[in-house]
Amino acid sequence: MTLEVVYFAWVRERIGLPRETVETDAATVADLVAELRAREDRYDLAFSDVSVVRVALDQVLSDFDASLKGVREVAFFPPMTGG
């Protein structure tokens, strides 16, 4: 499947891209992250601690065990704080 993957804040800085189109066979977000980490060191660094990364599927907050079936966009970002 083809996914649009979007990166925000320090995730984008570590990977060096704001977004990219990814061809994947991943069934879940965790599977996608594993594929990305295996690509290059910059992805491995960005996703080395997924406990500090949040994910949204088609602009809805989700979990790393969520299915990618029917998803068009995956966004990764750090936790947000309010003030």
C-alpha atoms as a PDB file:
ATOM      1  CA  MET A   1       0.000   0.000   0.000  1.00  0.00           C
ATOM      2  CA  THR A   2       1.009   3.604  -0.447  1.00  0.00           C
ATOM      3  CA  LEU A   3       0.980   5.929   2.575  1.00  0.00           C
ATOM      4  CA  GLU A   4       1.715   9.594   2.992  1.00  0.00           C
ATOM      5  CA  VAL A   5       3.929   9.827   6.088  1.00  0.00           C
ATOM      6  CA  VAL A   6       4.223  13.224   7.780  1.00  0.00           C
ATOM      7  CA  TYR A   7       6.794  14.192  10.404  1.00  0.00           C
ATOM      8  CA  PHE A   8       6.522  17.099  12.856  1.00  0.00           C
ATOM      9  CA  ALA A   9       8.857  18.978  15.238  1.00  0.00           C
ATOM     10  CA  TRP A  10      12.010  17.094  16.315  1.00  0.00           C
ATOM     11  CA  VAL A  11      10.891  13.940  14.479  1.00  0.00           C
ATOM     12  CA  ARG A  12      11.070  15.947  11.230  1.00  0.00           C
ATOM     13  CA  GLU A  13      14.427  17.437  12.251  1.00  0.00           C
ATOM     14  CA  ARG A  14      15.969  14.008  12.902  1.00  0.00           C
ATOM     15  CA  ILE A  15      14.639  12.473   9.699  1.00  0.00           C
ATOM     16  CA  GLY A  16      15.279  15.561   7.594  1.00  0.00           C
ATOM     17  CA  LEU A  17      11.952  15.483   5.742  1.00  0.00           C
ATOM     18  CA  PRO A  18       8.571  17.055   6.434  1.00  0.00           C
ATOM     19  CA  ARG A  19       6.749  14.276   4.564  1.00  0.00           C
ATOM     20  CA  GLU A  20       7.244  11.408   2.162  1.00  0.00           C
ATOM     21  CA  THR A  21       5.286   8.829   0.236  1.00  0.00           C
ATOM     22  CA  VAL A  22       6.050   5.315   1.465  1.00  0.00           C
ATOM     23  CA  GLU A  23       5.320   1.958  -0.161  1.00  0.00           C
ATOM     24  CA  THR A  24       4.784  -0.581   2.593  1.00  0.00           C
ATOM     25  CA  ASP A  25       3.394  -3.993   3.436  1.00  0.00           C
ATOM     26  CA  ALA A  26       3.103  -3.024   7.117  1.00  0.00           C
ATOM     27  CA  ALA A  27      -0.084  -4.166   8.843  1.00  0.00           C
ATOM     28  CA  THR A  28       0.237  -1.861  11.867  1.00  0.00           C
ATOM     29  CA  VAL A  29       1.898   1.404  12.805  1.00  0.00           C
ATOM     30  CA  ALA A  30       4.501  -0.583  14.762  1.00  0.00           C
ATOM     31  CA  ASP A  31       5.289  -2.601  11.623  1.00  0.00           C
ATOM     32  CA  LEU A  32       5.688   0.633   9.642  1.00  0.00           C
ATOM     33  CA  VAL A  33       8.037   2.054  12.271  1.00  0.00           C
ATOM     34  CA  ALA A  34      10.115  -1.144  12.128  1.00  0.00           C
ATOM     35  CA  GLU A  35      10.381  -0.806   8.339  1.00  0.00           C
ATOM     36  CA  LEU A  36      11.369   2.851   8.602  1.00  0.00           C
ATOM     37  CA  ARG A  37      13.970   2.161  11.320  1.00  0.00           C
ATOM     38  CA  ALA A  38      15.579  -0.477   9.107  1.00  0.00           C
ATOM     39  CA  ARG A  39      15.981   2.042   6.260  1.00  0.00           C
ATOM     40  CA  GLU A  40      18.643   4.370   7.644  1.00  0.00           C
ATOM     41  CA  ASP A  41      20.221   5.577  10.872  1.00  0.00           C
ATOM     42  CA  ARG A  42      18.223   8.831  10.836  1.00  0.00           C
ATOM     43  CA  TYR A  43      14.939   6.898  11.068  1.00  0.00           C
ATOM     44  CA  ASP A  44      16.388   4.597  13.701  1.00  0.00           C
ATOM     45  CA  LEU A  45      17.355   7.637  15.777  1.00  0.00           C
ATOM     46  CA  ALA A  46      13.966   9.326  15.356  1.00  0.00           C
ATOM     47  CA  PHE A  47      12.069   6.206  16.444  1.00  0.00           C
ATOM     48  CA  SER A  48      14.553   4.852  18.994  1.00  0.00           C
ATOM     49  CA  ASP A  49      12.089   5.573  21.822  1.00  0.00           C
ATOM     50  CA  VAL A  50       8.507   5.413  20.574  1.00  0.00           C
ATOM     51  CA  SER A  51       7.228   6.177  24.073  1.00  0.00           C
ATOM     52  CA  VAL A  52       7.980   9.839  23.263  1.00  0.00           C
ATOM     53  CA  VAL A  53       6.354   9.782  19.816  1.00  0.00           C
ATOM     54  CA  ARG A  54       2.647  10.112  19.085  1.00  0.00           C
ATOM     55  CA  VAL A  55       0.885   8.976  15.928  1.00  0.00           C
ATOM     56  CA  ALA A  56      -2.219  10.060  14.061  1.00  0.00           C
ATOM     57  CA  LEU A  57      -3.903   8.057  11.315  1.00  0.00           C
ATOM     58  CA  ASP A  58      -5.812  10.222   8.864  1.00  0.00           C
ATOM     59  CA  GLN A  59      -5.616  13.034  11.455  1.00  0.00           C
ATOM     60  CA  VAL A  60      -7.041  10.959  14.338  1.00  0.00           C
ATOM     61  CA  LEU A  61      -4.813  10.148  17.314  1.00  0.00           C
ATOM     62  CA  SER A  62      -4.049   6.455  17.428  1.00  0.00           C
ATOM     63  CA  ASP A  63      -1.771   3.794  18.910  1.00  0.00           C
ATOM     64  CA  PHE A  64       1.228   1.971  17.522  1.00  0.00           C
ATOM     65  CA  ASP A  65      -0.714  -1.309  17.438  1.00  0.00           C
ATOM     66  CA  ALA A  66      -3.412   0.229  15.201  1.00  0.00           C
ATOM     67  CA  SER A  67      -4.114  -1.291  11.802  1.00  0.00           C
ATOM     68  CA  LEU A  68      -3.081   0.603   8.684  1.00  0.00           C
ATOM     69  CA  LYS A  69      -5.873  -0.920   6.610  1.00  0.00           C
ATOM     70  CA  GLY A  70      -7.586   1.852   4.663  1.00  0.00           C
ATOM     71  CA  VAL A  71      -5.274   4.542   6.058  1.00  0.00           C
ATOM     72  CA  ARG A  72      -3.962   7.220   3.702  1.00  0.00           C
ATOM     73  CA  GLU A  73      -1.858   9.381   6.026  1.00  0.00           C
ATOM     74  CA  VAL A  74       0.307   8.592   9.047  1.00  0.00           C
ATOM     75  CA  ALA A  75       1.681  11.505  11.083  1.00  0.00           C
ATOM     76  CA  PHE A  76       4.381  11.245  13.749  1.00  0.00           C
ATOM     77  CA  PHE A  77       4.988  13.968  16.338  1.00  0.00           C
ATOM     78  CA  PRO A  78       6.170  14.485  19.921  1.00  0.00           C
ATOM     79  CA  PRO A  79       3.638  14.794  22.745  1.00  0.00           C
ATOM     80  CA  MET A  80       2.053  18.219  22.926  1.00  0.00           C
ATOM     81  CA  THR A  81       1.958  20.347  26.014  1.00  0.00           C
ATOM     82  CA  GLY A  82      -0.484  23.119  26.762  1.00  0.00           C
ATOM     83  CA  GLY A  83      -0.156  26.334  28.606  1.00  0.00           C
END
